[in-house]
Amino acid sequence: MPPRLHDLRSRLTRLHKTLVEEERSAYEAAHGTVTSGPELLGLLLHHEQFAWLRSLSGMISAIDAALDEMEDADAGAETFVLQARALLRSGDSTTFATKYRDALQRSPDVVMAHAAVVKLL
């Protein structure tokens, strides 16, 4: 697994996990405890409150697919770096950008995970 793309995937996965936990806490405050992995997965895939995270989930899945298919994935790493930079540093008003900015304001853990990704970018 090429080091740069592997490192990007690892850092994005850590950020995604942190964002999922933040969103899960907000969901549980309104709807009660999420008790199982399959229940959380169902929410991630189908519930509107978690929909904004799917762009990041999709990027991680695309990196996994590229790592499985490419002989020289480092050649394709720059494409993913640019996509991650665009997604995470966006100043636009997409749902992801708005909710991501809110998460950065609320959670020091999100800030730390974000900083680790940005350092690589």
PDB file of N, CA and C in Angstrom:
ATOM      1  N   MET A   1       0.856  -1.170   0.000  1.00  0.00           N
ATOM      2  CA  MET A   1       0.000   0.000   0.000  1.00  0.00           C
ATOM      3  C   MET A   1       0.906   1.237   0.000  1.00  0.00           C
ATOM      4  N   PRO A   2       0.757   2.123  -0.944  1.00  0.00           N
ATOM      5  CA  PRO A   2       1.617   3.290  -1.022  1.00  0.00           C
ATOM      6  C   PRO A   2       1.487   4.168   0.231  1.00  0.00           C
ATOM      7  N   PRO A   3       2.614   4.657   0.715  1.00  0.00           N
ATOM      8  CA  PRO A   3       2.595   5.372   1.988  1.00  0.00           C
ATOM      9  C   PRO A   3       1.697   6.613   2.009  1.00  0.00           C
ATOM     10  N   ARG A   4       1.758   7.468   1.007  1.00  0.00           N
ATOM     11  CA  ARG A   4       0.986   8.708   1.066  1.00  0.00           C
ATOM     12  C   ARG A   4      -0.509   8.429   1.011  1.00  0.00           C
ATOM     13  N   LEU A   5      -0.929   7.576   0.116  1.00  0.00           N
ATOM     14  CA  LEU A   5      -2.351   7.277  -0.008  1.00  0.00           C
ATOM     15  C   LEU A   5      -2.845   6.497   1.214  1.00  0.00           C
ATOM     16  N   HIS A   6      -2.026   5.602   1.702  1.00  0.00           N
ATOM     17  CA  HIS A   6      -2.377   4.865   2.924  1.00  0.00           C
ATOM     18  C   HIS A   6      -2.524   5.836   4.100  1.00  0.00           C
ATOM     19  N   ASP A   7      -1.601   6.769   4.212  1.00  0.00           N
ATOM     20  CA  ASP A   7      -1.652   7.741   5.294  1.00  0.00           C
ATOM     21  C   ASP A   7      -2.891   8.631   5.174  1.00  0.00           C
ATOM     22  N   LEU A   8      -3.210   9.061   3.962  1.00  0.00           N
ATOM     23  CA  LEU A   8      -4.411   9.860   3.750  1.00  0.00           C
ATOM     24  C   LEU A   8      -5.652   9.079   4.156  1.00  0.00           C
ATOM     25  N   ARG A   9      -5.727   7.828   3.744  1.00  0.00           N
ATOM     26  CA  ARG A   9      -6.870   6.992   4.083  1.00  0.00           C
ATOM     27  C   ARG A   9      -6.996   6.838   5.605  1.00  0.00           C
ATOM     28  N   SER A  10      -5.890   6.603   6.250  1.00  0.00           N
ATOM     29  CA  SER A  10      -5.885   6.425   7.698  1.00  0.00           C
ATOM     30  C   SER A  10      -6.374   7.690   8.418  1.00  0.00           C
ATOM     31  N   ARG A  11      -5.887   8.829   7.994  1.00  0.00           N
ATOM     32  CA  ARG A  11      -6.272  10.084   8.640  1.00  0.00           C
ATOM     33  C   ARG A  11      -7.734  10.441   8.351  1.00  0.00           C
ATOM     34  N   LEU A  12      -8.175  10.202   7.113  1.00  0.00           N
ATOM     35  CA  LEU A  12      -9.583  10.458   6.786  1.00  0.00           C
ATOM     36  C   LEU A  12     -10.501   9.518   7.563  1.00  0.00           C
ATOM     37  N   THR A  13     -10.074   8.278   7.735  1.00  0.00           N
ATOM     38  CA  THR A  13     -10.873   7.311   8.492  1.00  0.00           C
ATOM     39  C   THR A  13     -10.993   7.742   9.950  1.00  0.00           C
ATOM     40  N   ARG A  14      -9.923   8.223  10.527  1.00  0.00           N
ATOM     41  CA  ARG A  14      -9.948   8.722  11.909  1.00  0.00           C
ATOM     42  C   ARG A  14     -10.887   9.933  12.029  1.00  0.00           C
ATOM     43  N   LEU A  15     -10.813  10.838  11.053  1.00  0.00           N
ATOM     44  CA  LEU A  15     -11.704  11.998  11.037  1.00  0.00           C
ATOM     45  C   LEU A  15     -13.154  11.551  10.902  1.00  0.00           C
ATOM     46  N   HIS A  16     -13.412  10.621   9.996  1.00  0.00           N
ATOM     47  CA  HIS A  16     -14.767  10.110   9.786  1.00  0.00           C
ATOM     48  C   HIS A  16     -15.314   9.493  11.068  1.00  0.00           C
ATOM     49  N   LYS A  17     -14.513   8.679  11.727  1.00  0.00           N
ATOM     50  CA  LYS A  17     -14.948   8.038  12.968  1.00  0.00           C
ATOM     51  C   LYS A  17     -15.300   9.086  14.022  1.00  0.00           C
ATOM     52  N   THR A  18     -14.494  10.124  14.123  1.00  0.00           N
ATOM     53  CA  THR A  18     -14.748  11.186  15.092  1.00  0.00           C
ATOM     54  C   THR A  18     -16.045  11.924  14.757  1.00  0.00           C
ATOM     55  N   LEU A  19     -16.259  12.205  13.480  1.00  0.00           N
ATOM     56  CA  LEU A  19     -17.494  12.874  13.062  1.00  0.00           C
ATOM     57  C   LEU A  19     -18.717  11.996  13.301  1.00  0.00           C
ATOM     58  N   VAL A  20     -18.577  10.701  13.044  1.00  0.00           N
ATOM     59  CA  VAL A  20     -19.688   9.774  13.285  1.00  0.00           C
ATOM     60  C   VAL A  20     -20.041   9.772  14.767  1.00  0.00           C
ATOM     61  N   GLU A  21     -19.050   9.737  15.627  1.00  0.00           N
ATOM     62  CA  GLU A  21     -19.313   9.732  17.067  1.00  0.00           C
ATOM     63  C   GLU A  21     -19.987  11.031  17.511  1.00  0.00           C
ATOM     64  N   GLU A  22     -19.574  12.148  16.955  1.00  0.00           N
ATOM     65  CA  GLU A  22     -20.219  13.426  17.274  1.00  0.00           C
ATOM     66  C   GLU A  22     -21.678  13.414  16.832  1.00  0.00           C
ATOM     67  N   GLU A  23     -21.925  12.946  15.625  1.00  0.00           N
ATOM     68  CA  GLU A  23     -23.288  12.908  15.096  1.00  0.00           C
ATOM     69  C   GLU A  23     -24.131  11.889  15.850  1.00  0.00           C
ATOM     70  N   ARG A  24     -23.521  10.794  16.232  1.00  0.00           N
ATOM     71  CA  ARG A  24     -24.226   9.776  17.011  1.00  0.00           C
ATOM     72  C   ARG A  24     -24.678  10.348  18.358  1.00  0.00           C
ATOM     73  N   SER A  25     -23.799  11.101  19.003  1.00  0.00           N
ATOM     74  CA  SER A  25     -24.157  11.720  20.282  1.00  0.00           C
ATOM     75  C   SER A  25     -25.341  12.666  20.126  1.00  0.00           C
ATOM     76  N   ALA A  26     -25.337  13.454  19.074  1.00  0.00           N
ATOM     77  CA  ALA A  26     -26.451  14.372  18.822  1.00  0.00           C
ATOM     78  C   ALA A  26     -27.739  13.593  18.546  1.00  0.00           C
ATOM     79  N   TYR A  27     -27.620  12.525  17.783  1.00  0.00           N
ATOM     80  CA  TYR A  27     -28.787  11.692  17.481  1.00  0.00           C
ATOM     81  C   TYR A  27     -29.340  11.063  18.760  1.00  0.00           C
ATOM     82  N   GLU A  28     -28.453  10.529  19.572  1.00  0.00           N
ATOM     83  CA  GLU A  28     -28.883   9.869  20.811  1.00  0.00           C
ATOM     84  C   GLU A  28     -29.535  10.855  21.780  1.00  0.00           C
ATOM     85  N   ALA A  29     -29.081  12.096  21.793  1.00  0.00           N
ATOM     86  CA  ALA A  29     -29.694  13.097  22.660  1.00  0.00           C
ATOM     87  C   ALA A  29     -31.156  13.335  22.280  1.00  0.00           C
ATOM     88  N   ALA A  30     -31.457  13.206  21.002  1.00  0.00           N
ATOM     89  CA  ALA A  30     -32.820  13.448  20.529  1.00  0.00           C
ATOM     90  C   ALA A  30     -33.674  12.187  20.469  1.00  0.00           C
ATOM     91  N   HIS A  31     -33.051  11.035  20.219  1.00  0.00           N
ATOM     92  CA  HIS A  31     -33.815   9.817  19.914  1.00  0.00           C
ATOM     93  C   HIS A  31     -33.547   8.635  20.840  1.00  0.00           C
ATOM     94  N   GLY A  32     -32.607   8.745  21.742  1.00  0.00           N
ATOM     95  CA  GLY A  32     -32.272   7.620  22.609  1.00  0.00           C
ATOM     96  C   GLY A  32     -31.042   6.885  22.111  1.00  0.00           C
ATOM     97  N   THR A  33     -30.582   5.965  22.917  1.00  0.00           N
ATOM     98  CA  THR A  33     -29.341   5.250  22.672  1.00  0.00           C
ATOM     99  C   THR A  33     -29.389   4.382  21.420  1.00  0.00           C
ATOM    100  N   VAL A  34     -28.296   4.427  20.669  1.00  0.00           N
ATOM    101  CA  VAL A  34     -28.078   3.515  19.546  1.00  0.00           C
ATOM    102  C   VAL A  34     -27.297   2.352  20.130  1.00  0.00           C
ATOM    103  N   THR A  35     -27.894   1.166  20.103  1.00  0.00           N
ATOM    104  CA  THR A  35     -27.351   0.065  20.897  1.00  0.00           C
ATOM    105  C   THR A  35     -26.442  -0.913  20.169  1.00  0.00           C
ATOM    106  N   SER A  36     -26.396  -0.890  18.848  1.00  0.00           N
ATOM    107  CA  SER A  36     -25.601  -1.919  18.175  1.00  0.00           C
ATOM    108  C   SER A  36     -24.902  -1.379  16.939  1.00  0.00           C
ATOM    109  N   GLY A  37     -23.868  -2.096  16.516  1.00  0.00           N
ATOM    110  CA  GLY A  37     -23.175  -1.747  15.278  1.00  0.00           C
ATOM    111  C   GLY A  37     -24.099  -1.732  14.078  1.00  0.00           C
ATOM    112  N   PRO A  38     -24.929  -2.772  13.904  1.00  0.00           N
ATOM    113  CA  PRO A  38     -25.861  -2.770  12.765  1.00  0.00           C
ATOM    114  C   PRO A  38     -26.852  -1.607  12.807  1.00  0.00           C
ATOM    115  N   GLU A  39     -27.279  -1.219  14.001  1.00  0.00           N
ATOM    116  CA  GLU A  39     -28.207  -0.080  14.109  1.00  0.00           C
ATOM    117  C   GLU A  39     -27.519   1.205  13.662  1.00  0.00           C
ATOM    118  N   LEU A  40     -26.279   1.412  14.094  1.00  0.00           N
ATOM    119  CA  LEU A  40     -25.530   2.596  13.690  1.00  0.00           C
ATOM    120  C   LEU A  40     -25.274   2.573  12.188  1.00  0.00           C
ATOM    121  N   LEU A  41     -24.901   1.423  11.660  1.00  0.00           N
ATOM    122  CA  LEU A  41     -24.675   1.311  10.224  1.00  0.00           C
ATOM    123  C   LEU A  41     -25.946   1.675   9.446  1.00  0.00           C
ATOM    124  N   GLY A  42     -27.086   1.200   9.912  1.00  0.00           N
ATOM    125  CA  GLY A  42     -28.349   1.549   9.270  1.00  0.00           C
ATOM    126  C   GLY A  42     -28.594   3.047   9.269  1.00  0.00           C
ATOM    127  N   LEU A  43     -28.280   3.698  10.385  1.00  0.00           N
ATOM    128  CA  LEU A  43     -28.432   5.152  10.451  1.00  0.00           C
ATOM    129  C   LEU A  43     -27.477   5.844   9.485  1.00  0.00           C
ATOM    130  N   LEU A  44     -26.238   5.390   9.446  1.00  0.00           N
ATOM    131  CA  LEU A  44     -25.252   5.988   8.543  1.00  0.00           C
ATOM    132  C   LEU A  44     -25.684   5.874   7.081  1.00  0.00           C
ATOM    133  N   LEU A  45     -26.278   4.749   6.749  1.00  0.00           N
ATOM    134  CA  LEU A  45     -26.658   4.510   5.355  1.00  0.00           C
ATOM    135  C   LEU A  45     -27.983   5.153   4.968  1.00  0.00           C
ATOM    136  N   HIS A  46     -28.897   5.306   5.932  1.00  0.00           N
ATOM    137  CA  HIS A  46     -30.261   5.663   5.550  1.00  0.00           C
ATOM    138  C   HIS A  46     -30.870   6.874   6.251  1.00  0.00           C
ATOM    139  N   HIS A  47     -30.348   7.277   7.394  1.00  0.00           N
ATOM    140  CA  HIS A  47     -30.995   8.370   8.128  1.00  0.00           C
ATOM    141  C   HIS A  47     -30.489   9.722   7.623  1.00  0.00           C
ATOM    142  N   GLU A  48     -31.420  10.647   7.486  1.00  0.00           N
ATOM    143  CA  GLU A  48     -31.111  11.978   6.957  1.00  0.00           C
ATOM    144  C   GLU A  48     -30.071  12.722   7.806  1.00  0.00           C
ATOM    145  N   GLN A  49     -30.101  12.532   9.111  1.00  0.00           N
ATOM    146  CA  GLN A  49     -29.172  13.240   9.990  1.00  0.00           C
ATOM    147  C   GLN A  49     -27.711  12.890   9.695  1.00  0.00           C
ATOM    148  N   PHE A  50     -27.473  11.692   9.167  1.00  0.00           N
ATOM    149  CA  PHE A  50     -26.114  11.240   8.884  1.00  0.00           C
ATOM    150  C   PHE A  50     -25.728  11.392   7.408  1.00  0.00           C
ATOM    151  N   ALA A  51     -26.659  11.867   6.588  1.00  0.00           N
ATOM    152  CA  ALA A  51     -26.437  11.936   5.134  1.00  0.00           C
ATOM    153  C   ALA A  51     -25.217  12.781   4.772  1.00  0.00           C
ATOM    154  N   TRP A  52     -24.963  13.827   5.512  1.00  0.00           N
ATOM    155  CA  TRP A  52     -23.855  14.717   5.174  1.00  0.00           C
ATOM    156  C   TRP A  52     -22.501  14.023   5.262  1.00  0.00           C
ATOM    157  N   LEU A  53     -22.408  12.948   6.035  1.00  0.00           N
ATOM    158  CA  LEU A  53     -21.142  12.219   6.186  1.00  0.00           C
ATOM    159  C   LEU A  53     -20.835  11.305   5.006  1.00  0.00           C
ATOM    160  N   ARG A  54     -21.821  11.076   4.155  1.00  0.00           N
ATOM    161  CA  ARG A  54     -21.643  10.102   3.071  1.00  0.00           C
ATOM    162  C   ARG A  54     -20.621  10.541   2.029  1.00  0.00           C
ATOM    163  N   SER A  55     -20.412  11.827   1.854  1.00  0.00           N
ATOM    164  CA  SER A  55     -19.383  12.256   0.897  1.00  0.00           C
ATOM    165  C   SER A  55     -17.993  11.852   1.390  1.00  0.00           C
ATOM    166  N   LEU A  56     -17.763  11.955   2.678  1.00  0.00           N
ATOM    167  CA  LEU A  56     -16.484  11.520   3.241  1.00  0.00           C
ATOM    168  C   LEU A  56     -16.370  10.003   3.224  1.00  0.00           C
ATOM    169  N   SER A  57     -17.460   9.312   3.540  1.00  0.00           N
ATOM    170  CA  SER A  57     -17.479   7.842   3.469  1.00  0.00           C
ATOM    171  C   SER A  57     -17.157   7.380   2.052  1.00  0.00           C
ATOM    172  N   GLY A  58     -17.759   8.042   1.079  1.00  0.00           N
ATOM    173  CA  GLY A  58     -17.534   7.693  -0.321  1.00  0.00           C
ATOM    174  C   GLY A  58     -16.092   7.904  -0.753  1.00  0.00           C
ATOM    175  N   MET A  59     -15.486   8.974  -0.259  1.00  0.00           N
ATOM    176  CA  MET A  59     -14.087   9.240  -0.597  1.00  0.00           C
ATOM    177  C   MET A  59     -13.187   8.136  -0.043  1.00  0.00           C
ATOM    178  N   ILE A  60     -13.441   7.719   1.181  1.00  0.00           N
ATOM    179  CA  ILE A  60     -12.642   6.644   1.784  1.00  0.00           C
ATOM    180  C   ILE A  60     -12.829   5.348   1.003  1.00  0.00           C
ATOM    181  N   SER A  61     -14.055   5.054   0.600  1.00  0.00           N
ATOM    182  CA  SER A  61     -14.322   3.858  -0.211  1.00  0.00           C
ATOM    183  C   SER A  61     -13.614   3.927  -1.551  1.00  0.00           C
ATOM    184  N   ALA A  62     -13.597   5.104  -2.159  1.00  0.00           N
ATOM    185  CA  ALA A  62     -12.913   5.274  -3.454  1.00  0.00           C
ATOM    186  C   ALA A  62     -11.407   5.065  -3.300  1.00  0.00           C
ATOM    187  N   ILE A  63     -10.846   5.524  -2.191  1.00  0.00           N
ATOM    188  CA  ILE A  63      -9.417   5.295  -1.934  1.00  0.00           C
ATOM    189  C   ILE A  63      -9.153   3.801  -1.776  1.00  0.00           C
ATOM    190  N   ASP A  64     -10.019   3.114  -1.038  1.00  0.00           N
ATOM    191  CA  ASP A  64      -9.866   1.659  -0.887  1.00  0.00           C
ATOM    192  C   ASP A  64      -9.890   0.963  -2.238  1.00  0.00           C
ATOM    193  N   ALA A  65     -10.829   1.349  -3.084  1.00  0.00           N
ATOM    194  CA  ALA A  65     -10.935   0.737  -4.416  1.00  0.00           C
ATOM    195  C   ALA A  65      -9.683   1.023  -5.240  1.00  0.00           C
ATOM    196  N   ALA A  66      -9.189   2.236  -5.172  1.00  0.00           N
ATOM    197  CA  ALA A  66      -7.982   2.596  -5.919  1.00  0.00           C
ATOM    198  C   ALA A  66      -6.782   1.797  -5.431  1.00  0.00           C
ATOM    199  N   LEU A  67      -6.679   1.630  -4.142  1.00  0.00           N
ATOM    200  CA  LEU A  67      -5.560   0.864  -3.592  1.00  0.00           C
ATOM    201  C   LEU A  67      -5.631  -0.598  -4.031  1.00  0.00           C
ATOM    202  N   ASP A  68      -6.838  -1.124  -4.167  1.00  0.00           N
ATOM    203  CA  ASP A  68      -7.006  -2.505  -4.615  1.00  0.00           C
ATOM    204  C   ASP A  68      -6.699  -2.675  -6.100  1.00  0.00           C
ATOM    205  N   GLU A  69      -6.953  -1.641  -6.899  1.00  0.00           N
ATOM    206  CA  GLU A  69      -6.875  -1.772  -8.356  1.00  0.00           C
ATOM    207  C   GLU A  69      -5.604  -1.216  -8.980  1.00  0.00           C
ATOM    208  N   MET A  70      -5.007  -0.234  -8.379  1.00  0.00           N
ATOM    209  CA  MET A  70      -3.863   0.437  -9.006  1.00  0.00           C
ATOM    210  C   MET A  70      -2.560  -0.269  -8.674  1.00  0.00           C
ATOM    211  N   GLU A  71      -1.708  -0.369  -9.691  1.00  0.00           N
ATOM    212  CA  GLU A  71      -0.366  -0.886  -9.441  1.00  0.00           C
ATOM    213  C   GLU A  71       0.487   0.183  -8.776  1.00  0.00           C
ATOM    214  N   ASP A  72       0.331   1.419  -9.239  1.00  0.00           N
ATOM    215  CA  ASP A  72       1.078   2.540  -8.672  1.00  0.00           C
ATOM    216  C   ASP A  72       0.082   3.557  -8.132  1.00  0.00           C
ATOM    217  N   ALA A  73      -0.443   3.268  -6.961  1.00  0.00           N
ATOM    218  CA  ALA A  73      -1.479   4.130  -6.381  1.00  0.00           C
ATOM    219  C   ALA A  73      -0.926   5.493  -5.991  1.00  0.00           C
ATOM    220  N   ASP A  74       0.391   5.602  -5.791  1.00  0.00           N
ATOM    221  CA  ASP A  74       0.931   6.919  -5.489  1.00  0.00           C
ATOM    222  C   ASP A  74       0.719   7.873  -6.657  1.00  0.00           C
ATOM    223  N   ALA A  75       0.666   7.328  -7.870  1.00  0.00           N
ATOM    224  CA  ALA A  75       0.390   8.169  -9.028  1.00  0.00           C
ATOM    225  C   ALA A  75      -1.014   8.764  -8.934  1.00  0.00           C
ATOM    226  N   GLY A  76      -1.945   8.050  -8.343  1.00  0.00           N
ATOM    227  CA  GLY A  76      -3.309   8.539  -8.183  1.00  0.00           C
ATOM    228  C   GLY A  76      -3.545   9.248  -6.867  1.00  0.00           C
ATOM    229  N   ALA A  77      -2.536   9.291  -6.016  1.00  0.00           N
ATOM    230  CA  ALA A  77      -2.706   9.888  -4.695  1.00  0.00           C
ATOM    231  C   ALA A  77      -3.062  11.366  -4.790  1.00  0.00           C
ATOM    232  N   GLU A  78      -2.464  12.064  -5.731  1.00  0.00           N
ATOM    233  CA  GLU A  78      -2.691  13.505  -5.834  1.00  0.00           C
ATOM    234  C   GLU A  78      -4.154  13.831  -6.113  1.00  0.00           C
ATOM    235  N   THR A  79      -4.816  12.983  -6.881  1.00  0.00           N
ATOM    236  CA  THR A  79      -6.242  13.183  -7.151  1.00  0.00           C
ATOM    237  C   THR A  79      -7.033  13.164  -5.849  1.00  0.00           C
ATOM    238  N   PHE A  80      -6.744  12.198  -4.995  1.00  0.00           N
ATOM    239  CA  PHE A  80      -7.453  12.098  -3.723  1.00  0.00           C
ATOM    240  C   PHE A  80      -7.069  13.226  -2.767  1.00  0.00           C
ATOM    241  N   VAL A  81      -5.831  13.652  -2.816  1.00  0.00           N
ATOM    242  CA  VAL A  81      -5.401  14.780  -1.993  1.00  0.00           C
ATOM    243  C   VAL A  81      -6.191  16.029  -2.387  1.00  0.00           C
ATOM    244  N   LEU A  82      -6.324  16.261  -3.685  1.00  0.00           N
ATOM    245  CA  LEU A  82      -7.082  17.421  -4.155  1.00  0.00           C
ATOM    246  C   LEU A  82      -8.556  17.327  -3.762  1.00  0.00           C
ATOM    247  N   GLN A  83      -9.131  16.132  -3.870  1.00  0.00           N
ATOM    248  CA  GLN A  83     -10.533  15.947  -3.487  1.00  0.00           C
ATOM    249  C   GLN A  83     -10.721  16.184  -1.989  1.00  0.00           C
ATOM    250  N   ALA A  84      -9.823  15.660  -1.193  1.00  0.00           N
ATOM    251  CA  ALA A  84      -9.923  15.845   0.262  1.00  0.00           C
ATOM    252  C   ALA A  84      -9.769  17.315   0.619  1.00  0.00           C
ATOM    253  N   ARG A  85      -8.821  17.976  -0.012  1.00  0.00           N
ATOM    254  CA  ARG A  85      -8.610  19.402   0.244  1.00  0.00           C
ATOM    255  C   ARG A  85      -9.866  20.198  -0.095  1.00  0.00           C
ATOM    256  N   ALA A  86     -10.470  19.885  -1.227  1.00  0.00           N
ATOM    257  CA  ALA A  86     -11.686  20.588  -1.645  1.00  0.00           C
ATOM    258  C   ALA A  86     -12.839  20.332  -0.675  1.00  0.00           C
ATOM    259  N   LEU A  87     -12.970  19.105  -0.215  1.00  0.00           N
ATOM    260  CA  LEU A  87     -14.067  18.766   0.682  1.00  0.00           C
ATOM    261  C   LEU A  87     -13.885  19.417   2.060  1.00  0.00           C
ATOM    262  N   LEU A  88     -12.685  19.357   2.602  1.00  0.00           N
ATOM    263  CA  LEU A  88     -12.466  19.783   3.981  1.00  0.00           C
ATOM    264  C   LEU A  88     -12.175  21.270   4.137  1.00  0.00           C
ATOM    265  N   ARG A  89     -11.739  21.913   3.104  1.00  0.00           N
ATOM    266  CA  ARG A  89     -11.414  23.339   3.200  1.00  0.00           C
ATOM    267  C   ARG A  89     -12.428  24.205   2.471  1.00  0.00           C
ATOM    268  N   SER A  90     -13.526  23.629   2.145  1.00  0.00           N
ATOM    269  CA  SER A  90     -14.538  24.327   1.375  1.00  0.00           C
ATOM    270  C   SER A  90     -15.135  25.480   2.166  1.00  0.00           C
ATOM    271  N   GLY A  91     -15.246  26.609   1.522  1.00  0.00           N
ATOM    272  CA  GLY A  91     -15.892  27.749   2.138  1.00  0.00           C
ATOM    273  C   GLY A  91     -17.307  27.913   1.608  1.00  0.00           C
ATOM    274  N   ASP A  92     -17.779  26.913   0.906  1.00  0.00           N
ATOM    275  CA  ASP A  92     -19.099  27.034   0.300  1.00  0.00           C
ATOM    276  C   ASP A  92     -20.209  26.715   1.287  1.00  0.00           C
ATOM    277  N   SER A  93     -21.424  26.674   0.805  1.00  0.00           N
ATOM    278  CA  SER A  93     -22.567  26.484   1.695  1.00  0.00           C
ATOM    279  C   SER A  93     -23.249  25.133   1.476  1.00  0.00           C
ATOM    280  N   THR A  94     -22.489  24.123   1.068  1.00  0.00           N
ATOM    281  CA  THR A  94     -23.067  22.784   0.945  1.00  0.00           C
ATOM    282  C   THR A  94     -23.421  22.273   2.336  1.00  0.00           C
ATOM    283  N   THR A  95     -24.248  21.264   2.383  1.00  0.00           N
ATOM    284  CA  THR A  95     -24.617  20.667   3.663  1.00  0.00           C
ATOM    285  C   THR A  95     -23.381  20.153   4.381  1.00  0.00           C
ATOM    286  N   PHE A  96     -22.498  19.471   3.647  1.00  0.00           N
ATOM    287  CA  PHE A  96     -21.286  18.959   4.285  1.00  0.00           C
ATOM    288  C   PHE A  96     -20.483  20.108   4.890  1.00  0.00           C
ATOM    289  N   ALA A  97     -20.228  21.153   4.102  1.00  0.00           N
ATOM    290  CA  ALA A  97     -19.400  22.257   4.578  1.00  0.00           C
ATOM    291  C   ALA A  97     -19.995  22.910   5.820  1.00  0.00           C
ATOM    292  N   THR A  98     -21.287  23.119   5.814  1.00  0.00           N
ATOM    293  CA  THR A  98     -21.957  23.754   6.952  1.00  0.00           C
ATOM    294  C   THR A  98     -21.876  22.890   8.205  1.00  0.00           C
ATOM    295  N   LYS A  99     -22.212  21.620   8.062  1.00  0.00           N
ATOM    296  CA  LYS A  99     -22.189  20.721   9.227  1.00  0.00           C
ATOM    297  C   LYS A  99     -20.755  20.465   9.695  1.00  0.00           C
ATOM    298  N   TYR A 100     -19.825  20.424   8.757  1.00  0.00           N
ATOM    299  CA  TYR A 100     -18.430  20.215   9.122  1.00  0.00           C
ATOM    300  C   TYR A 100     -17.905  21.407   9.927  1.00  0.00           C
ATOM    301  N   ARG A 101     -18.212  22.618   9.484  1.00  0.00           N
ATOM    302  CA  ARG A 101     -17.797  23.805  10.243  1.00  0.00           C
ATOM    303  C   ARG A 101     -18.398  23.788  11.650  1.00  0.00           C
ATOM    304  N   ASP A 102     -19.669  23.386  11.743  1.00  0.00           N
ATOM    305  CA  ASP A 102     -20.315  23.291  13.060  1.00  0.00           C
ATOM    306  C   ASP A 102     -19.602  22.273  13.955  1.00  0.00           C
ATOM    307  N   ALA A 103     -19.246  21.131  13.373  1.00  0.00           N
ATOM    308  CA  ALA A 103     -18.545  20.093  14.144  1.00  0.00           C
ATOM    309  C   ALA A 103     -17.179  20.597  14.608  1.00  0.00           C
ATOM    310  N   LEU A 104     -16.497  21.346  13.771  1.00  0.00           N
ATOM    311  CA  LEU A 104     -15.202  21.913  14.155  1.00  0.00           C
ATOM    312  C   LEU A 104     -15.355  22.903  15.310  1.00  0.00           C
ATOM    313  N   GLN A 105     -16.456  23.625  15.340  1.00  0.00           N
ATOM    314  CA  GLN A 105     -16.699  24.584  16.421  1.00  0.00           C
ATOM    315  C   GLN A 105     -17.047  23.897  17.740  1.00  0.00           C
ATOM    316  N   ARG A 106     -17.700  22.746  17.656  1.00  0.00           N
ATOM    317  CA  ARG A 106     -18.179  22.035  18.848  1.00  0.00           C
ATOM    318  C   ARG A 106     -17.152  21.119  19.492  1.00  0.00           C
ATOM    319  N   SER A 107     -16.287  20.521  18.706  1.00  0.00           N
ATOM    320  CA  SER A 107     -15.503  19.404  19.214  1.00  0.00           C
ATOM    321  C   SER A 107     -13.996  19.564  19.024  1.00  0.00           C
ATOM    322  N   PRO A 108     -13.257  19.581  20.119  1.00  0.00           N
ATOM    323  CA  PRO A 108     -11.796  19.585  20.009  1.00  0.00           C
ATOM    324  C   PRO A 108     -11.265  18.312  19.327  1.00  0.00           C
ATOM    325  N   ASP A 109     -11.975  17.193  19.492  1.00  0.00           N
ATOM    326  CA  ASP A 109     -11.544  15.946  18.846  1.00  0.00           C
ATOM    327  C   ASP A 109     -11.631  16.068  17.321  1.00  0.00           C
ATOM    328  N   VAL A 110     -12.670  16.722  16.834  1.00  0.00           N
ATOM    329  CA  VAL A 110     -12.807  16.943  15.392  1.00  0.00           C
ATOM    330  C   VAL A 110     -11.698  17.871  14.909  1.00  0.00           C
ATOM    331  N   VAL A 111     -11.403  18.898  15.679  1.00  0.00           N
ATOM    332  CA  VAL A 111     -10.324  19.829  15.314  1.00  0.00           C
ATOM    333  C   VAL A 111      -8.997  19.086  15.198  1.00  0.00           C
ATOM    334  N   MET A 112      -8.712  18.200  16.150  1.00  0.00           N
ATOM    335  CA  MET A 112      -7.453  17.459  16.121  1.00  0.00           C
ATOM    336  C   MET A 112      -7.392  16.509  14.921  1.00  0.00           C
ATOM    337  N   ALA A 113      -8.480  15.812  14.643  1.00  0.00           N
ATOM    338  CA  ALA A 113      -8.515  14.900  13.497  1.00  0.00           C
ATOM    339  C   ALA A 113      -8.401  15.685  12.190  1.00  0.00           C
ATOM    340  N   HIS A 114      -9.063  16.832  12.124  1.00  0.00           N
ATOM    341  CA  HIS A 114      -8.984  17.697  10.954  1.00  0.00           C
ATOM    342  C   HIS A 114      -7.539  18.167  10.743  1.00  0.00           C
ATOM    343  N   ALA A 115      -6.902  18.596  11.815  1.00  0.00           N
ATOM    344  CA  ALA A 115      -5.529  19.077  11.727  1.00  0.00           C
ATOM    345  C   ALA A 115      -4.580  17.999  11.209  1.00  0.00           C
ATOM    346  N   ALA A 116      -4.812  16.761  11.613  1.00  0.00           N
ATOM    347  CA  ALA A 116      -3.957  15.663  11.134  1.00  0.00           C
ATOM    348  C   ALA A 116      -4.113  15.466   9.630  1.00  0.00           C
ATOM    349  N   VAL A 117      -5.333  15.593   9.124  1.00  0.00           N
ATOM    350  CA  VAL A 117      -5.552  15.446   7.676  1.00  0.00           C
ATOM    351  C   VAL A 117      -4.920  16.636   6.950  1.00  0.00           C
ATOM    352  N   VAL A 118      -5.183  17.840   7.420  1.00  0.00           N
ATOM    353  CA  VAL A 118      -4.683  19.039   6.751  1.00  0.00           C
ATOM    354  C   VAL A 118      -3.152  19.052   6.723  1.00  0.00           C
ATOM    355  N   LYS A 119      -2.535  18.543   7.753  1.00  0.00           N
ATOM    356  CA  LYS A 119      -1.063  18.487   7.792  1.00  0.00           C
ATOM    357  C   LYS A 119      -0.530  17.658   6.615  1.00  0.00           C
ATOM    358  N   LEU A 120      -1.232  16.597   6.280  1.00  0.00           N
ATOM    359  CA  LEU A 120      -0.818  15.755   5.162  1.00  0.00           C
ATOM    360  C   LEU A 120      -1.107  16.421   3.818  1.00  0.00           C
ATOM    361  N   LEU A 121      -2.202  17.162   3.768  1.00  0.00           N
ATOM    362  CA  LEU A 121      -2.589  17.806   2.515  1.00  0.00           C
ATOM    363  C   LEU A 121      -1.648  18.915   2.149  1.00  0.00           C
TER     364      LEU A 121
END
